């Protein structure tokens, strides 16, 4: 899958998250991915996640990457943060394991299938 398609999906995710809750935003991004034919292998999704590292939020990036992997799950977690007290993070899991080892941060509080 191309870099441009990942960026389009991440933009769709950003807009969807502004107007709807995360579960509904995920459904919107999943539909957009099917519409543009954005399906990929795990290795391509890892590359796409790297391309998106400086775009949007961790949740918008996770929604975009997960939309390309039909059996993946977006995980939202929370953990302690010295500066803010609590920090949230989102990442993608495939077959119960993080897509990228560096992604998990905190305890999972929600899973978006």
PDB file of N, CA and C in Angstrom:
ATOM      1  N   UNK A   1       0.839  -1.167   0.000  1.00  0.00           N
ATOM      2  CA  UNK A   1       0.000   0.000   0.000  1.00  0.00           C
ATOM      3  C   UNK A   1       0.894   1.243   0.000  1.00  0.00           C
ATOM      4  N   UNK A   2       0.414   2.293  -0.610  1.00  0.00           N
ATOM      5  CA  UNK A   2       1.240   3.485  -0.760  1.00  0.00           C
ATOM      6  C   UNK A   2       1.196   4.387   0.476  1.00  0.00           C
ATOM      7  N   UNK A   3       2.207   5.202   0.585  1.00  0.00           N
ATOM      8  CA  UNK A   3       2.299   6.183   1.659  1.00  0.00           C
ATOM      9  C   UNK A   3       1.091   7.122   1.622  1.00  0.00           C
ATOM     10  N   UNK A   4       0.688   7.518   0.427  1.00  0.00           N
ATOM     11  CA  UNK A   4      -0.442   8.444   0.283  1.00  0.00           C
ATOM     12  C   UNK A   4      -1.732   7.847   0.858  1.00  0.00           C
ATOM     13  N   UNK A   5      -1.966   6.570   0.645  1.00  0.00           N
ATOM     14  CA  UNK A   5      -3.189   5.946   1.172  1.00  0.00           C
ATOM     15  C   UNK A   5      -3.194   5.930   2.701  1.00  0.00           C
ATOM     16  N   UNK A   6      -2.045   5.674   3.300  1.00  0.00           N
ATOM     17  CA  UNK A   6      -1.969   5.728   4.762  1.00  0.00           C
ATOM     18  C   UNK A   6      -2.294   7.138   5.257  1.00  0.00           C
ATOM     19  N   UNK A   7      -1.751   8.137   4.576  1.00  0.00           N
ATOM     20  CA  UNK A   7      -1.997   9.515   4.993  1.00  0.00           C
ATOM     21  C   UNK A   7      -3.452   9.926   4.783  1.00  0.00           C
ATOM     22  N   UNK A   8      -4.070   9.448   3.712  1.00  0.00           N
ATOM     23  CA  UNK A   8      -5.497   9.726   3.500  1.00  0.00           C
ATOM     24  C   UNK A   8      -6.324   9.111   4.623  1.00  0.00           C
ATOM     25  N   UNK A   9      -6.041   7.871   4.972  1.00  0.00           N
ATOM     26  CA  UNK A   9      -6.786   7.219   6.053  1.00  0.00           C
ATOM     27  C   UNK A   9      -6.567   7.910   7.392  1.00  0.00           C
ATOM     28  N   UNK A  10      -5.358   8.384   7.640  1.00  0.00           N
ATOM     29  CA  UNK A  10      -5.094   9.085   8.892  1.00  0.00           C
ATOM     30  C   UNK A  10      -5.866  10.404   8.935  1.00  0.00           C
ATOM     31  N   UNK A  11      -5.973  11.082   7.803  1.00  0.00           N
ATOM     32  CA  UNK A  11      -6.757  12.315   7.734  1.00  0.00           C
ATOM     33  C   UNK A  11      -8.243  12.027   7.968  1.00  0.00           C
ATOM     34  N   UNK A  12      -8.751  10.954   7.368  1.00  0.00           N
ATOM     35  CA  UNK A  12     -10.143  10.545   7.607  1.00  0.00           C
ATOM     36  C   UNK A  12     -10.337  10.266   9.096  1.00  0.00           C
ATOM     37  N   UNK A  13      -9.375   9.607   9.712  1.00  0.00           N
ATOM     38  CA  UNK A  13      -9.462   9.293  11.143  1.00  0.00           C
ATOM     39  C   UNK A  13      -9.500  10.563  11.984  1.00  0.00           C
ATOM     40  N   UNK A  14      -8.664  11.535  11.645  1.00  0.00           N
ATOM     41  CA  UNK A  14      -8.654  12.794  12.404  1.00  0.00           C
ATOM     42  C   UNK A  14     -10.010  13.484  12.355  1.00  0.00           C
ATOM     43  N   UNK A  15     -10.583  13.558  11.158  1.00  0.00           N
ATOM     44  CA  UNK A  15     -11.892  14.205  11.007  1.00  0.00           C
ATOM     45  C   UNK A  15     -12.964  13.402  11.743  1.00  0.00           C
ATOM     46  N   UNK A  16     -12.945  12.093  11.563  1.00  0.00           N
ATOM     47  CA  UNK A  16     -13.951  11.241  12.204  1.00  0.00           C
ATOM     48  C   UNK A  16     -13.883  11.359  13.728  1.00  0.00           C
ATOM     49  N   UNK A  17     -12.693  11.459  14.282  1.00  0.00           N
ATOM     50  CA  UNK A  17     -12.547  11.581  15.736  1.00  0.00           C
ATOM     51  C   UNK A  17     -13.029  12.935  16.260  1.00  0.00           C
ATOM     52  N   UNK A  18     -13.040  13.928  15.418  1.00  0.00           N
ATOM     53  CA  UNK A  18     -13.542  15.241  15.836  1.00  0.00           C
ATOM     54  C   UNK A  18     -15.061  15.268  15.930  1.00  0.00           C
ATOM     55  N   UNK A  19     -15.725  14.419  15.148  1.00  0.00           N
ATOM     56  CA  UNK A  19     -17.197  14.486  15.095  1.00  0.00           C
ATOM     57  C   UNK A  19     -17.891  13.277  15.699  1.00  0.00           C
ATOM     58  N   UNK A  20     -17.130  12.264  16.112  1.00  0.00           N
ATOM     59  CA  UNK A  20     -17.766  11.074  16.657  1.00  0.00           C
ATOM     60  C   UNK A  20     -16.850  10.375  17.655  1.00  0.00           C
ATOM     61  N   UNK A  21     -17.428   9.507  18.484  1.00  0.00           N
ATOM     62  CA  UNK A  21     -16.608   8.762  19.446  1.00  0.00           C
ATOM     63  C   UNK A  21     -15.699   7.755  18.728  1.00  0.00           C
ATOM     64  N   UNK A  22     -14.671   7.260  19.428  1.00  0.00           N
ATOM     65  CA  UNK A  22     -13.693   6.372  18.789  1.00  0.00           C
ATOM     66  C   UNK A  22     -14.278   5.155  18.064  1.00  0.00           C
ATOM     67  N   UNK A  23     -15.276   4.483  18.631  1.00  0.00           N
ATOM     68  CA  UNK A  23     -15.827   3.293  17.954  1.00  0.00           C
ATOM     69  C   UNK A  23     -16.464   3.659  16.610  1.00  0.00           C
ATOM     70  N   UNK A  24     -17.210   4.747  16.593  1.00  0.00           N
ATOM     71  CA  UNK A  24     -17.840   5.171  15.344  1.00  0.00           C
ATOM     72  C   UNK A  24     -16.781   5.667  14.362  1.00  0.00           C
ATOM     73  N   UNK A  25     -15.757   6.354  14.866  1.00  0.00           N
ATOM     74  CA  UNK A  25     -14.666   6.813  14.010  1.00  0.00           C
ATOM     75  C   UNK A  25     -13.957   5.618  13.372  1.00  0.00           C
ATOM     76  N   UNK A  26     -13.748   4.553  14.143  1.00  0.00           N
ATOM     77  CA  UNK A  26     -13.108   3.355  13.588  1.00  0.00           C
ATOM     78  C   UNK A  26     -13.929   2.781  12.447  1.00  0.00           C
ATOM     79  N   UNK A  27     -15.238   2.710  12.619  1.00  0.00           N
ATOM     80  CA  UNK A  27     -16.114   2.193  11.560  1.00  0.00           C
ATOM     81  C   UNK A  27     -16.013   3.061  10.308  1.00  0.00           C
ATOM     82  N   UNK A  28     -15.933   4.362  10.488  1.00  0.00           N
ATOM     83  CA  UNK A  28     -15.804   5.282   9.351  1.00  0.00           C
ATOM     84  C   UNK A  28     -14.494   5.053   8.612  1.00  0.00           C
ATOM     85  N   UNK A  29     -13.402   4.939   9.352  1.00  0.00           N
ATOM     86  CA  UNK A  29     -12.091   4.727   8.734  1.00  0.00           C
ATOM     87  C   UNK A  29     -12.039   3.357   8.060  1.00  0.00           C
ATOM     88  N   UNK A  30     -12.630   2.347   8.671  1.00  0.00           N
ATOM     89  CA  UNK A  30     -12.678   1.010   8.060  1.00  0.00           C
ATOM     90  C   UNK A  30     -13.421   1.050   6.719  1.00  0.00           C
ATOM     91  N   UNK A  31     -14.542   1.777   6.673  1.00  0.00           N
ATOM     92  CA  UNK A  31     -15.285   1.905   5.410  1.00  0.00           C
ATOM     93  C   UNK A  31     -14.451   2.628   4.360  1.00  0.00           C
ATOM     94  N   UNK A  32     -13.755   3.684   4.768  1.00  0.00           N
ATOM     95  CA  UNK A  32     -12.898   4.421   3.832  1.00  0.00           C
ATOM     96  C   UNK A  32     -11.791   3.521   3.286  1.00  0.00           C
ATOM     97  N   UNK A  33     -11.222   2.690   4.142  1.00  0.00           N
ATOM     98  CA  UNK A  33     -10.160   1.775   3.700  1.00  0.00           C
ATOM     99  C   UNK A  33     -10.680   0.778   2.672  1.00  0.00           C
ATOM    100  N   UNK A  34     -11.872   0.246   2.909  1.00  0.00           N
ATOM    101  CA  UNK A  34     -12.460  -0.678   1.931  1.00  0.00           C
ATOM    102  C   UNK A  34     -12.736   0.044   0.617  1.00  0.00           C
ATOM    103  N   UNK A  35     -13.206   1.273   0.692  1.00  0.00           N
ATOM    104  CA  UNK A  35     -13.554   2.038  -0.495  1.00  0.00           C
ATOM    105  C   UNK A  35     -12.328   2.324  -1.366  1.00  0.00           C
ATOM    106  N   UNK A  36     -11.183   2.629  -0.730  1.00  0.00           N
ATOM    107  CA  UNK A  36      -9.982   2.917  -1.523  1.00  0.00           C
ATOM    108  C   UNK A  36      -9.107   1.685  -1.741  1.00  0.00           C
ATOM    109  N   UNK A  37      -9.573   0.530  -1.283  1.00  0.00           N
ATOM    110  CA  UNK A  37      -8.815  -0.707  -1.482  1.00  0.00           C
ATOM    111  C   UNK A  37      -7.530  -0.736  -0.683  1.00  0.00           C
ATOM    112  N   UNK A  38      -7.613  -0.320   0.568  1.00  0.00           N
ATOM    113  CA  UNK A  38      -6.421  -0.211   1.416  1.00  0.00           C
ATOM    114  C   UNK A  38      -6.287  -1.419   2.326  1.00  0.00           C
ATOM    115  N   UNK A  39      -5.895  -2.537   1.762  1.00  0.00           N
ATOM    116  CA  UNK A  39      -5.638  -3.738   2.550  1.00  0.00           C
ATOM    117  C   UNK A  39      -4.155  -4.050   2.415  1.00  0.00           C
ATOM    118  N   UNK A  40      -3.537  -4.506   3.500  1.00  0.00           N
ATOM    119  CA  UNK A  40      -2.101  -4.749   3.415  1.00  0.00           C
ATOM    120  C   UNK A  40      -1.667  -5.860   4.359  1.00  0.00           C
ATOM    121  N   UNK A  41      -0.445  -6.291   4.164  1.00  0.00           N
ATOM    122  CA  UNK A  41       0.182  -7.297   5.021  1.00  0.00           C
ATOM    123  C   UNK A  41       0.726  -6.615   6.270  1.00  0.00           C
ATOM    124  N   UNK A  42       0.957  -7.375   7.348  1.00  0.00           N
ATOM    125  CA  UNK A  42       1.508  -6.773   8.567  1.00  0.00           C
ATOM    126  C   UNK A  42       2.805  -5.987   8.344  1.00  0.00           C
ATOM    127  N   UNK A  43       3.674  -6.472   7.487  1.00  0.00           N
ATOM    128  CA  UNK A  43       4.929  -5.740   7.238  1.00  0.00           C
ATOM    129  C   UNK A  43       4.657  -4.384   6.602  1.00  0.00           C
ATOM    130  N   UNK A  44       3.679  -4.321   5.697  1.00  0.00           N
ATOM    131  CA  UNK A  44       3.301  -3.042   5.088  1.00  0.00           C
ATOM    132  C   UNK A  44       2.659  -2.118   6.121  1.00  0.00           C
ATOM    133  N   UNK A  45       1.874  -2.685   7.033  1.00  0.00           N
ATOM    134  CA  UNK A  45       1.240  -1.882   8.077  1.00  0.00           C
ATOM    135  C   UNK A  45       2.293  -1.294   9.014  1.00  0.00           C
ATOM    136  N   UNK A  46       3.333  -2.059   9.333  1.00  0.00           N
ATOM    137  CA  UNK A  46       4.416  -1.528  10.166  1.00  0.00           C
ATOM    138  C   UNK A  46       5.106  -0.362   9.468  1.00  0.00           C
ATOM    139  N   UNK A  47       5.334  -0.526   8.167  1.00  0.00           N
ATOM    140  CA  UNK A  47       5.952   0.551   7.389  1.00  0.00           C
ATOM    141  C   UNK A  47       5.029   1.770   7.380  1.00  0.00           C
ATOM    142  N   UNK A  48       3.734   1.543   7.190  1.00  0.00           N
ATOM    143  CA  UNK A  48       2.773   2.640   7.208  1.00  0.00           C
ATOM    144  C   UNK A  48       2.737   3.346   8.546  1.00  0.00           C
ATOM    145  N   UNK A  49       2.823   2.582   9.628  1.00  0.00           N
ATOM    146  CA  UNK A  49       2.837   3.182  10.966  1.00  0.00           C
ATOM    147  C   UNK A  49       4.053   4.093  11.122  1.00  0.00           C
ATOM    148  N   UNK A  50       5.176   3.679  10.570  1.00  0.00           N
ATOM    149  CA  UNK A  50       6.385   4.501  10.619  1.00  0.00           C
ATOM    150  C   UNK A  50       6.201   5.770   9.802  1.00  0.00           C
ATOM    151  N   UNK A  51       5.579   5.655   8.626  1.00  0.00           N
ATOM    152  CA  UNK A  51       5.320   6.831   7.794  1.00  0.00           C
ATOM    153  C   UNK A  51       4.432   7.842   8.526  1.00  0.00           C
ATOM    154  N   UNK A  52       3.534   7.345   9.360  1.00  0.00           N
ATOM    155  CA  UNK A  52       2.577   8.212  10.047  1.00  0.00           C
ATOM    156  C   UNK A  52       3.078   8.725  11.396  1.00  0.00           C
ATOM    157  N   UNK A  53       4.261   8.334  11.828  1.00  0.00           N
ATOM    158  CA  UNK A  53       4.742   8.672  13.169  1.00  0.00           C
ATOM    159  C   UNK A  53       4.638  10.153  13.523  1.00  0.00           C
ATOM    160  N   UNK A  54       4.724  11.038  12.584  1.00  0.00           N
ATOM    161  CA  UNK A  54       4.669  12.477  12.879  1.00  0.00           C
ATOM    162  C   UNK A  54       3.319  13.100  12.523  1.00  0.00           C
ATOM    163  N   UNK A  55       2.337  12.296  12.202  1.00  0.00           N
ATOM    164  CA  UNK A  55       1.021  12.805  11.803  1.00  0.00           C
ATOM    165  C   UNK A  55      -0.001  12.587  12.903  1.00  0.00           C
ATOM    166  N   UNK A  56      -0.903  13.538  13.056  1.00  0.00           N
ATOM    167  CA  UNK A  56      -2.053  13.372  13.935  1.00  0.00           C
ATOM    168  C   UNK A  56      -1.720  12.953  15.352  1.00  0.00           C
ATOM    169  N   UNK A  57      -2.605  12.122  15.896  1.00  0.00           N
ATOM    170  CA  UNK A  57      -2.447  11.600  17.256  1.00  0.00           C
ATOM    171  C   UNK A  57      -2.196  10.097  17.184  1.00  0.00           C
ATOM    172  N   UNK A  58      -1.818   9.528  18.305  1.00  0.00           N
ATOM    173  CA  UNK A  58      -1.601   8.077  18.315  1.00  0.00           C
ATOM    174  C   UNK A  58      -2.902   7.344  17.959  1.00  0.00           C
ATOM    175  N   UNK A  59      -4.055   7.888  18.358  1.00  0.00           N
ATOM    176  CA  UNK A  59      -5.322   7.232  18.045  1.00  0.00           C
ATOM    177  C   UNK A  59      -5.661   7.348  16.566  1.00  0.00           C
ATOM    178  N   UNK A  60      -5.467   8.508  15.962  1.00  0.00           N
ATOM    179  CA  UNK A  60      -5.761   8.636  14.528  1.00  0.00           C
ATOM    180  C   UNK A  60      -4.824   7.761  13.703  1.00  0.00           C
ATOM    181  N   UNK A  61      -3.563   7.663  14.123  1.00  0.00           N
ATOM    182  CA  UNK A  61      -2.621   6.788  13.415  1.00  0.00           C
ATOM    183  C   UNK A  61      -3.018   5.317  13.563  1.00  0.00           C
ATOM    184  N   UNK A  62      -3.383   4.926  14.783  1.00  0.00           N
ATOM    185  CA  UNK A  62      -3.764   3.530  15.021  1.00  0.00           C
ATOM    186  C   UNK A  62      -5.011   3.165  14.212  1.00  0.00           C
ATOM    187  N   UNK A  63      -5.992   4.061  14.139  1.00  0.00           N
ATOM    188  CA  UNK A  63      -7.193   3.778  13.348  1.00  0.00           C
ATOM    189  C   UNK A  63      -6.849   3.601  11.874  1.00  0.00           C
ATOM    190  N   UNK A  64      -5.949   4.436  11.360  1.00  0.00           N
ATOM    191  CA  UNK A  64      -5.561   4.347   9.945  1.00  0.00           C
ATOM    192  C   UNK A  64      -4.845   3.038   9.651  1.00  0.00           C
ATOM    193  N   UNK A  65      -3.915   2.667  10.499  1.00  0.00           N
ATOM    194  CA  UNK A  65      -3.151   1.431  10.276  1.00  0.00           C
ATOM    195  C   UNK A  65      -4.048   0.213  10.441  1.00  0.00           C
ATOM    196  N   UNK A  66      -4.877   0.197  11.475  1.00  0.00           N
ATOM    197  CA  UNK A  66      -5.762  -0.951  11.719  1.00  0.00           C
ATOM    198  C   UNK A  66      -6.767  -1.147  10.587  1.00  0.00           C
ATOM    199  N   UNK A  67      -7.156  -0.070   9.928  1.00  0.00           N
ATOM    200  CA  UNK A  67      -8.120  -0.185   8.829  1.00  0.00           C
ATOM    201  C   UNK A  67      -7.564  -1.013   7.675  1.00  0.00           C
ATOM    202  N   UNK A  68      -6.263  -1.123   7.600  1.00  0.00           N
ATOM    203  CA  UNK A  68      -5.622  -1.893   6.522  1.00  0.00           C
ATOM    204  C   UNK A  68      -5.440  -3.357   6.879  1.00  0.00           C
ATOM    205  N   UNK A  69      -5.632  -3.676   8.155  1.00  0.00           N
ATOM    206  CA  UNK A  69      -5.444  -5.047   8.642  1.00  0.00           C
ATOM    207  C   UNK A  69      -6.774  -5.557   9.190  1.00  0.00           C
ATOM    208  N   UNK A  70      -7.509  -6.330   8.412  1.00  0.00           N
ATOM    209  CA  UNK A  70      -8.868  -6.735   8.804  1.00  0.00           C
ATOM    210  C   UNK A  70      -9.010  -7.382  10.174  1.00  0.00           C
ATOM    211  N   UNK A  71      -8.037  -8.135  10.645  1.00  0.00           N
ATOM    212  CA  UNK A  71      -8.173  -8.839  11.923  1.00  0.00           C
ATOM    213  C   UNK A  71      -7.487  -8.132  13.084  1.00  0.00           C
ATOM    214  N   UNK A  72      -7.120  -6.874  12.889  1.00  0.00           N
ATOM    215  CA  UNK A  72      -6.412  -6.147  13.937  1.00  0.00           C
ATOM    216  C   UNK A  72      -7.376  -5.481  14.912  1.00  0.00           C
ATOM    217  N   UNK A  73      -6.818  -5.028  16.022  1.00  0.00           N
ATOM    218  CA  UNK A  73      -7.581  -4.372  17.077  1.00  0.00           C
ATOM    219  C   UNK A  73      -6.839  -3.096  17.467  1.00  0.00           C
ATOM    220  N   UNK A  74      -7.573  -2.013  17.644  1.00  0.00           N
ATOM    221  CA  UNK A  74      -6.985  -0.787  18.175  1.00  0.00           C
ATOM    222  C   UNK A  74      -7.145  -0.840  19.693  1.00  0.00           C
ATOM    223  N   UNK A  75      -6.044  -0.679  20.400  1.00  0.00           N
ATOM    224  CA  UNK A  75      -6.055  -0.728  21.859  1.00  0.00           C
ATOM    225  C   UNK A  75      -5.782   0.673  22.403  1.00  0.00           C
ATOM    226  N   UNK A  76      -6.589   1.087  23.368  1.00  0.00           N
ATOM    227  CA  UNK A  76      -6.364   2.354  24.058  1.00  0.00           C
ATOM    228  C   UNK A  76      -5.929   2.002  25.472  1.00  0.00           C
ATOM    229  N   UNK A  77      -4.802   2.552  25.897  1.00  0.00           N
ATOM    230  CA  UNK A  77      -4.272   2.260  27.223  1.00  0.00           C
ATOM    231  C   UNK A  77      -3.953   3.516  27.993  1.00  0.00           C
ATOM    232  N   UNK A  78      -3.845   3.379  29.303  1.00  0.00           N
ATOM    233  CA  UNK A  78      -3.444   4.494  30.164  1.00  0.00           C
ATOM    234  C   UNK A  78      -2.335   4.040  31.091  1.00  0.00           C
ATOM    235  N   UNK A  79      -1.511   4.968  31.472  1.00  0.00           N
ATOM    236  CA  UNK A  79      -0.426   4.670  32.392  1.00  0.00           C
ATOM    237  C   UNK A  79       0.006   5.931  33.100  1.00  0.00           C
ATOM    238  N   UNK A  80       0.844   5.798  34.113  1.00  0.00           N
ATOM    239  CA  UNK A  80       1.297   6.972  34.852  1.00  0.00           C
ATOM    240  C   UNK A  80       2.223   7.845  34.009  1.00  0.00           C
ATOM    241  N   UNK A  81       2.144   9.139  34.243  1.00  0.00           N
ATOM    242  CA  UNK A  81       2.997  10.113  33.567  1.00  0.00           C
ATOM    243  C   UNK A  81       3.435  11.124  34.616  1.00  0.00           C
ATOM    244  N   UNK A  82       4.722  11.281  34.785  1.00  0.00           N
ATOM    245  CA  UNK A  82       5.224  12.174  35.837  1.00  0.00           C
ATOM    246  C   UNK A  82       4.743  13.606  35.668  1.00  0.00           C
ATOM    247  N   UNK A  83       4.728  14.104  34.448  1.00  0.00           N
ATOM    248  CA  UNK A  83       4.376  15.505  34.215  1.00  0.00           C
ATOM    249  C   UNK A  83       2.874  15.766  34.312  1.00  0.00           C
ATOM    250  N   UNK A  84       2.064  14.829  33.805  1.00  0.00           N
ATOM    251  CA  UNK A  84       0.622  15.064  33.728  1.00  0.00           C
ATOM    252  C   UNK A  84      -0.200  14.204  34.676  1.00  0.00           C
ATOM    253  N   UNK A  85       0.402  13.261  35.338  1.00  0.00           N
ATOM    254  CA  UNK A  85      -0.332  12.370  36.226  1.00  0.00           C
ATOM    255  C   UNK A  85      -0.749  11.089  35.535  1.00  0.00           C
ATOM    256  N   UNK A  86      -1.480  11.218  34.442  1.00  0.00           N
ATOM    257  CA  UNK A  86      -1.931  10.053  33.668  1.00  0.00           C
ATOM    258  C   UNK A  86      -1.728  10.361  32.187  1.00  0.00           C
ATOM    259  N   UNK A  87      -1.269   9.372  31.446  1.00  0.00           N
ATOM    260  CA  UNK A  87      -1.085   9.524  30.003  1.00  0.00           C
ATOM    261  C   UNK A  87      -1.840   8.412  29.284  1.00  0.00           C
ATOM    262  N   UNK A  88      -2.407   8.745  28.164  1.00  0.00           N
ATOM    263  CA  UNK A  88      -3.114   7.759  27.344  1.00  0.00           C
ATOM    264  C   UNK A  88      -2.313   7.508  26.075  1.00  0.00           C
ATOM    265  N   UNK A  89      -2.469   6.313  25.511  1.00  0.00           N
ATOM    266  CA  UNK A  89      -1.796   5.956  24.268  1.00  0.00           C
ATOM    267  C   UNK A  89      -2.650   4.926  23.530  1.00  0.00           C
ATOM    268  N   UNK A  90      -2.587   4.942  22.222  1.00  0.00           N
ATOM    269  CA  UNK A  90      -3.305   3.960  21.398  1.00  0.00           C
ATOM    270  C   UNK A  90      -2.312   3.259  20.489  1.00  0.00           C
ATOM    271  N   UNK A  91      -2.559   1.969  20.238  1.00  0.00           N
ATOM    272  CA  UNK A  91      -1.702   1.191  19.360  1.00  0.00           C
ATOM    273  C   UNK A  91      -2.528   0.102  18.694  1.00  0.00           C
ATOM    274  N   UNK A  92      -1.909  -0.602  17.766  1.00  0.00           N
ATOM    275  CA  UNK A  92      -2.573  -1.668  17.006  1.00  0.00           C
ATOM    276  C   UNK A  92      -2.039  -3.015  17.466  1.00  0.00           C
ATOM    277  N   UNK A  93      -2.955  -3.962  17.671  1.00  0.00           N
ATOM    278  CA  UNK A  93      -2.563  -5.340  17.963  1.00  0.00           C
ATOM    279  C   UNK A  93      -3.086  -6.249  16.863  1.00  0.00           C
ATOM    280  N   UNK A  94      -2.304  -7.256  16.566  1.00  0.00           N
ATOM    281  CA  UNK A  94      -2.669  -8.263  15.575  1.00  0.00           C
ATOM    282  C   UNK A  94      -2.416  -9.619  16.210  1.00  0.00           C
ATOM    283  N   UNK A  95      -3.427 -10.468  16.249  1.00  0.00           N
ATOM    284  CA  UNK A  95      -3.334 -11.785  16.885  1.00  0.00           C
ATOM    285  C   UNK A  95      -2.877 -11.678  18.344  1.00  0.00           C
ATOM    286  N   UNK A  96      -3.357 -10.647  19.050  1.00  0.00           N
ATOM    287  CA  UNK A  96      -3.068 -10.483  20.463  1.00  0.00           C
ATOM    288  C   UNK A  96      -1.713  -9.898  20.797  1.00  0.00           C
ATOM    289  N   UNK A  97      -0.935  -9.547  19.786  1.00  0.00           N
ATOM    290  CA  UNK A  97       0.389  -8.967  20.020  1.00  0.00           C
ATOM    291  C   UNK A  97       0.475  -7.592  19.366  1.00  0.00           C
ATOM    292  N   UNK A  98       1.231  -6.678  19.956  1.00  0.00           N
ATOM    293  CA  UNK A  98       1.383  -5.353  19.350  1.00  0.00           C
ATOM    294  C   UNK A  98       1.992  -5.455  17.952  1.00  0.00           C
ATOM    295  N   UNK A  99       1.499  -4.635  17.043  1.00  0.00           N
ATOM    296  CA  UNK A  99       2.045  -4.616  15.688  1.00  0.00           C
ATOM    297  C   UNK A  99       3.513  -4.197  15.721  1.00  0.00           C
ATOM    298  N   UNK A 100       3.811  -3.206  16.554  1.00  0.00           N
ATOM    299  CA  UNK A 100       5.201  -2.761  16.748  1.00  0.00           C
ATOM    300  C   UNK A 100       5.514  -2.862  18.242  1.00  0.00           C
ATOM    301  N   UNK A 101       6.640  -3.443  18.575  1.00  0.00           N
ATOM    302  CA  UNK A 101       7.005  -3.659  19.974  1.00  0.00           C
ATOM    303  C   UNK A 101       7.084  -2.360  20.762  1.00  0.00           C
ATOM    304  N   UNK A 102       7.432  -1.274  20.107  1.00  0.00           N
ATOM    305  CA  UNK A 102       7.603  -0.001  20.808  1.00  0.00           C
ATOM    306  C   UNK A 102       6.270   0.681  21.130  1.00  0.00           C
ATOM    307  N   UNK A 103       5.164   0.188  20.610  1.00  0.00           N
ATOM    308  CA  UNK A 103       3.887   0.876  20.764  1.00  0.00           C
ATOM    309  C   UNK A 103       3.205   0.743  22.122  1.00  0.00           C
ATOM    310  N   UNK A 104       3.084  -0.426  22.718  1.00  0.00           N
ATOM    311  CA  UNK A 104       2.282  -0.516  23.944  1.00  0.00           C
ATOM    312  C   UNK A 104       2.825   0.410  25.030  1.00  0.00           C
ATOM    313  N   UNK A 105       1.906   1.087  25.663  1.00  0.00           N
ATOM    314  CA  UNK A 105       2.281   1.994  26.726  1.00  0.00           C
ATOM    315  C   UNK A 105       1.092   2.093  27.697  1.00  0.00           C
ATOM    316  N   UNK A 106       1.181   1.428  28.807  1.00  0.00           N
ATOM    317  CA  UNK A 106       0.110   1.478  29.773  1.00  0.00           C
ATOM    318  C   UNK A 106      -0.795   0.257  29.729  1.00  0.00           C
ATOM    319  N   UNK A 107      -1.780   0.281  30.594  1.00  0.00           N
ATOM    320  CA  UNK A 107      -2.743  -0.813  30.712  1.00  0.00           C
ATOM    321  C   UNK A 107      -3.922  -0.580  29.782  1.00  0.00           C
ATOM    322  N   UNK A 108      -4.323  -1.609  29.040  1.00  0.00           N
ATOM    323  CA  UNK A 108      -5.430  -1.480  28.083  1.00  0.00           C
ATOM    324  C   UNK A 108      -6.733  -1.201  28.824  1.00  0.00           C
ATOM    325  N   UNK A 109      -7.449  -0.169  28.379  1.00  0.00           N
ATOM    326  CA  UNK A 109      -8.754   0.152  28.958  1.00  0.00           C
ATOM    327  C   UNK A 109      -9.877  -0.015  27.939  1.00  0.00           C
ATOM    328  N   UNK A 110      -9.520  -0.093  26.644  1.00  0.00           N
ATOM    329  CA  UNK A 110     -10.531  -0.280  25.604  1.00  0.00           C
ATOM    330  C   UNK A 110      -9.888  -0.963  24.402  1.00  0.00           C
ATOM    331  N   UNK A 111     -10.672  -1.792  23.744  1.00  0.00           N
ATOM    332  CA  UNK A 111     -10.250  -2.464  22.511  1.00  0.00           C
ATOM    333  C   UNK A 111     -11.326  -2.230  21.476  1.00  0.00           C
ATOM    334  N   UNK A 112     -10.912  -1.671  20.335  1.00  0.00           N
ATOM    335  CA  UNK A 112     -11.835  -1.367  19.248  1.00  0.00           C
ATOM    336  C   UNK A 112     -11.603  -2.373  18.133  1.00  0.00           C
ATOM    337  N   UNK A 113     -12.587  -3.220  17.914  1.00  0.00           N
ATOM    338  CA  UNK A 113     -12.463  -4.255  16.871  1.00  0.00           C
ATOM    339  C   UNK A 113     -13.077  -3.768  15.592  1.00  0.00           C
TER     340      UNK A 113
END
